Amino acid sequence: MILGNKQFNRSPVAQAYVWVADYYDDTDLCEFDLLTKKSNNFYSIDKNKLVSFGIVGQGSQLYYNVANGVFHVNQDRFSISYVVGDDEYPLTGRAFLYNDIIQYKNGSSDANLNSRNMEGKFKNNIDCFNFGYKKSMSLNGVNINYQSILSLPNKQIPFLQIKITSDQDLIGQLVVRKNGIMIDKFDAPLKANHSGNINWELR
């Protein structure tokens, strides 16, 4: 397994980060093979065998545990819940399979055009690496669709894109825990069948 093993923290290619899928049988699939550097297709990942999914590079590992949806950023663990009055709806940390994985990159192109003949070169850049999952769950009689994506931009603080949809109106708060300790709590009312979205910077 690659994720969780500190010695695997560099991309095998020029790309800053690569995605990694770890399987329960101690095998893995990497965006680029660590030895041959051959590319692999994201859609060839076997979701039924996943135990963790994330990215490695630049001396870091960022991934989430498929068994509970908790994100690991180097040595820190981030979990999310939604609180309504005295009721807490844990969106992570449950005995669910969070294996509906998401991965994409934000990119840009810079053009250097020659004004005489309108020829030039384009330089393509990856500006942000993103990975995460989506999960439908039923908690205390409330049906919730939850999506969490960890985004790692080149020149900004990493952040979680959190999206929640409920089949009921809820007046509650979103709670973020780091290593089991609450570090943020803010109002996040939900209207039935309308998504609530927030970007939360890691700290």
Protein backbone atom coordinates (compact mmCIF):
# COMPACT_ATOMS: atom_id res chain seq x y z
CA MET A 1 0.00 0.00 0.00
CA ILE A 2 1.17 3.50 -0.82
CA LEU A 3 -1.09 5.78 1.22
CA GLY A 4 -0.15 5.90 4.87
CA ASN A 5 3.43 4.87 4.10
CA LYS A 6 5.55 7.99 4.62
CA GLN A 7 8.23 6.94 2.15
CA PHE A 8 5.77 7.38 -0.74
CA ASN A 9 5.38 11.14 -0.93
CA ARG A 10 6.79 12.10 -4.34
CA SER A 11 5.29 12.01 -7.79
CA PRO A 12 7.09 9.61 -10.16
CA VAL A 13 6.66 12.09 -13.04
CA ALA A 14 6.99 15.84 -13.61
CA GLN A 15 3.37 16.40 -12.55
CA ALA A 16 3.33 17.73 -8.97
CA TYR A 17 0.77 15.22 -7.63
CA VAL A 18 -0.64 11.92 -8.79
CA TRP A 19 -3.73 10.07 -7.62
CA VAL A 20 -3.40 6.75 -5.84
CA ALA A 21 -5.97 4.02 -5.15
CA ASP A 22 -5.06 1.52 -2.41
CA TYR A 23 -6.79 -1.87 -2.34
CA TYR A 24 -7.59 -4.22 0.54
CA ASP A 25 -5.34 -6.95 -0.92
CA ASP A 26 -2.23 -4.76 -0.44
CA THR A 27 -2.11 -3.81 -4.12
CA ASP A 28 -2.62 -0.35 -5.57
CA LEU A 29 -3.19 1.61 -8.75
CA CYS A 30 -1.34 4.86 -9.31
CA GLU A 31 -2.02 7.51 -11.94
CA PHE A 32 1.52 6.84 -13.17
CA ASP A 33 3.21 3.55 -12.33
CA LEU A 34 5.97 4.18 -9.79
CA LEU A 35 8.47 2.07 -11.76
CA THR A 36 7.53 2.24 -15.43
CA LYS A 37 5.84 5.69 -15.25
CA LYS A 38 3.13 4.32 -17.52
CA SER A 39 -0.18 6.16 -17.10
CA ASN A 40 -3.29 4.42 -15.77
CA ASN A 41 -6.94 5.26 -16.42
CA PHE A 42 -8.94 6.67 -13.51
CA TYR A 43 -11.97 4.67 -14.68
CA SER A 44 -10.05 1.41 -14.31
CA ILE A 45 -10.00 1.80 -10.50
CA ASP A 46 -11.80 -1.10 -8.83
CA LYS A 47 -14.09 0.73 -6.37
CA ASN A 48 -15.14 -2.53 -4.71
CA LYS A 49 -11.57 -3.16 -3.52
CA LEU A 50 -10.75 0.37 -2.35
CA VAL A 51 -9.54 1.07 1.18
CA SER A 52 -8.17 4.58 0.58
CA PHE A 53 -7.94 7.11 -2.22
CA GLY A 54 -5.98 10.34 -2.59
CA ILE A 55 -2.93 12.07 -4.01
CA VAL A 56 0.79 12.07 -3.27
CA GLY A 57 3.53 14.53 -4.22
CA GLN A 58 5.71 17.41 -3.06
CA GLY A 59 6.60 15.50 0.10
CA SER A 60 2.96 15.10 1.16
CA GLN A 61 0.14 12.57 1.25
CA LEU A 62 -3.50 13.62 1.15
CA TYR A 63 -6.17 10.92 1.09
CA TYR A 64 -9.36 9.67 2.67
CA ASN A 65 -10.33 6.39 4.28
CA VAL A 66 -13.02 4.65 2.23
CA ALA A 67 -14.43 2.92 5.34
CA ASN A 68 -15.36 6.20 7.08
CA GLY A 69 -14.84 9.17 4.72
CA VAL A 70 -12.30 10.87 7.02
CA PHE A 71 -9.63 12.90 5.23
CA HIS A 72 -5.96 12.48 6.15
CA VAL A 73 -3.63 15.39 5.38
CA ASN A 74 -0.14 14.24 6.31
CA GLN A 75 -0.58 13.52 10.05
CA ASP A 76 -3.93 15.28 10.53
CA ARG A 77 -7.45 13.82 10.24
CA PHE A 78 -10.48 15.94 9.28
CA SER A 79 -14.07 14.84 9.90
CA ILE A 80 -17.41 16.58 9.27
CA SER A 81 -20.81 16.45 10.94
CA TYR A 82 -24.08 18.38 10.87
CA VAL A 83 -25.77 19.36 14.14
CA VAL A 84 -29.46 20.18 14.59
CA GLY A 85 -30.29 21.06 18.19
CA ASP A 86 -29.22 18.08 20.29
CA ASP A 87 -28.99 15.77 17.27
CA GLU A 88 -25.70 15.28 15.48
CA TYR A 89 -25.56 13.78 12.00
CA PRO A 90 -22.05 12.43 11.43
CA LEU A 91 -21.32 12.87 7.73
CA THR A 92 -17.99 11.07 8.15
CA GLY A 93 -16.86 8.45 10.62
CA ARG A 94 -19.81 6.16 9.93
CA ALA A 95 -19.56 2.49 9.00
CA PHE A 96 -20.40 3.26 5.37
CA LEU A 97 -18.46 2.68 2.18
CA TYR A 98 -17.41 6.04 0.74
CA ASN A 99 -16.23 4.55 -2.53
CA ASP A 100 -17.96 6.80 -5.09
CA ILE A 101 -14.69 8.58 -5.77
CA ILE A 102 -14.13 11.90 -7.54
CA GLN A 103 -10.92 13.21 -9.08
CA TYR A 104 -10.23 16.11 -11.41
CA LYS A 105 -7.76 18.88 -12.13
CA ASN A 106 -8.25 22.58 -12.83
CA GLY A 107 -6.00 23.82 -15.61
CA SER A 108 -5.09 26.86 -17.64
CA SER A 109 -3.13 27.67 -20.77
CA ASP A 110 -0.78 30.59 -21.37
CA ALA A 111 -0.23 31.67 -24.97
CA ASN A 112 2.86 33.44 -26.30
CA LEU A 113 1.76 34.59 -29.73
CA ASN A 114 4.05 35.97 -32.40
CA SER A 115 2.27 39.10 -33.65
CA ARG A 116 3.78 38.83 -37.15
CA ASN A 117 2.41 35.49 -38.16
CA MET A 118 0.06 34.74 -35.22
CA GLU A 119 2.03 31.62 -34.41
CA GLY A 120 3.25 30.84 -30.97
CA LYS A 121 3.39 28.35 -28.16
CA PHE A 122 0.84 27.34 -25.54
CA LYS A 123 1.93 26.38 -22.05
CA ASN A 124 -0.55 24.19 -20.17
CA ASN A 125 -0.63 24.29 -16.38
CA ILE A 126 -2.41 22.35 -13.66
CA ASP A 127 -3.58 24.99 -11.19
CA CYS A 128 -5.43 22.78 -8.70
CA PHE A 129 -5.65 19.07 -7.83
CA ASN A 130 -8.99 17.80 -6.49
CA PHE A 131 -10.14 14.49 -5.05
CA GLY A 132 -12.93 13.23 -2.82
CA TYR A 133 -16.24 11.42 -2.94
CA LYS A 134 -20.02 11.63 -2.83
CA LYS A 135 -22.29 9.59 -0.60
CA SER A 136 -26.02 9.18 -0.03
CA MET A 137 -27.02 8.26 3.53
CA SER A 138 -30.00 8.09 5.87
CA LEU A 139 -29.38 9.54 9.34
CA ASN A 140 -32.10 9.70 12.01
CA GLY A 141 -34.83 9.57 9.35
CA VAL A 142 -33.26 12.27 7.19
CA ASN A 143 -31.99 11.42 3.70
CA ILE A 144 -28.77 13.30 2.98
CA ASN A 145 -26.59 13.54 -0.11
CA TYR A 146 -23.09 14.51 0.93
CA GLN A 147 -20.13 15.43 -1.25
CA SER A 148 -16.68 16.35 0.01
CA ILE A 149 -13.74 17.27 -2.21
CA LEU A 150 -10.29 18.25 -1.00
CA SER A 151 -8.77 20.86 -3.31
CA LEU A 152 -5.07 21.62 -3.43
CA PRO A 153 -4.42 24.82 -5.41
CA ASN A 154 -0.89 25.77 -6.38
CA LYS A 155 -0.79 29.18 -4.75
CA GLN A 156 -3.55 29.10 -2.14
CA ILE A 157 -4.44 27.29 1.07
CA PRO A 158 -5.93 23.80 0.57
CA PHE A 159 -9.67 23.69 1.19
CA LEU A 160 -12.60 21.31 1.47
CA GLN A 161 -15.50 21.77 -0.92
CA ILE A 162 -18.49 20.59 1.10
CA LYS A 163 -21.89 20.07 -0.52
CA ILE A 164 -24.95 18.82 1.39
CA THR A 165 -28.51 18.18 0.22
CA SER A 166 -31.32 17.08 2.57
CA ASP A 167 -34.86 15.91 1.83
CA GLN A 168 -36.05 18.03 4.78
CA ASP A 169 -35.59 21.62 5.90
CA LEU A 170 -32.88 21.71 8.56
CA ILE A 171 -31.72 24.61 10.69
CA GLY A 172 -28.34 23.41 11.82
CA GLN A 173 -24.62 23.94 12.00
CA LEU A 174 -21.70 22.36 10.22
CA VAL A 175 -18.98 21.06 12.53
CA VAL A 176 -15.37 20.41 11.50
CA ARG A 177 -13.09 18.29 13.68
CA LYS A 178 -9.34 17.95 13.40
CA ASN A 179 -7.88 14.86 15.06
CA GLY A 180 -11.15 14.45 16.95
CA ILE A 181 -11.20 18.01 18.33
CA MET A 182 -13.77 20.54 17.08
CA ILE A 183 -11.97 23.44 15.41
CA ASP A 184 -14.85 25.13 13.58
CA LYS A 185 -18.63 25.39 13.82
CA PHE A 186 -20.84 27.66 11.75
CA ASP A 187 -24.48 28.12 10.79
CA ALA A 188 -25.50 26.11 7.73
CA PRO A 189 -29.30 26.06 7.25
CA LEU A 190 -30.57 23.66 4.58
CA LYS A 191 -33.71 23.95 2.48
CA ALA A 192 -35.26 20.67 1.38
CA ASN A 193 -33.88 19.38 -1.94
CA HIS A 194 -31.59 22.39 -2.36
CA SER A 195 -27.84 21.99 -1.99
CA GLY A 196 -25.82 23.88 0.57
CA ASN A 197 -22.23 24.57 -0.51
CA ILE A 198 -19.21 25.89 1.31
CA ASN A 199 -15.44 26.00 0.81
CA TRP A 200 -13.59 25.54 4.11
CA GLU A 201 -9.86 26.32 4.27
CA LEU A 202 -7.76 23.77 6.10
CA ARG A 203 -5.99 24.85 9.26
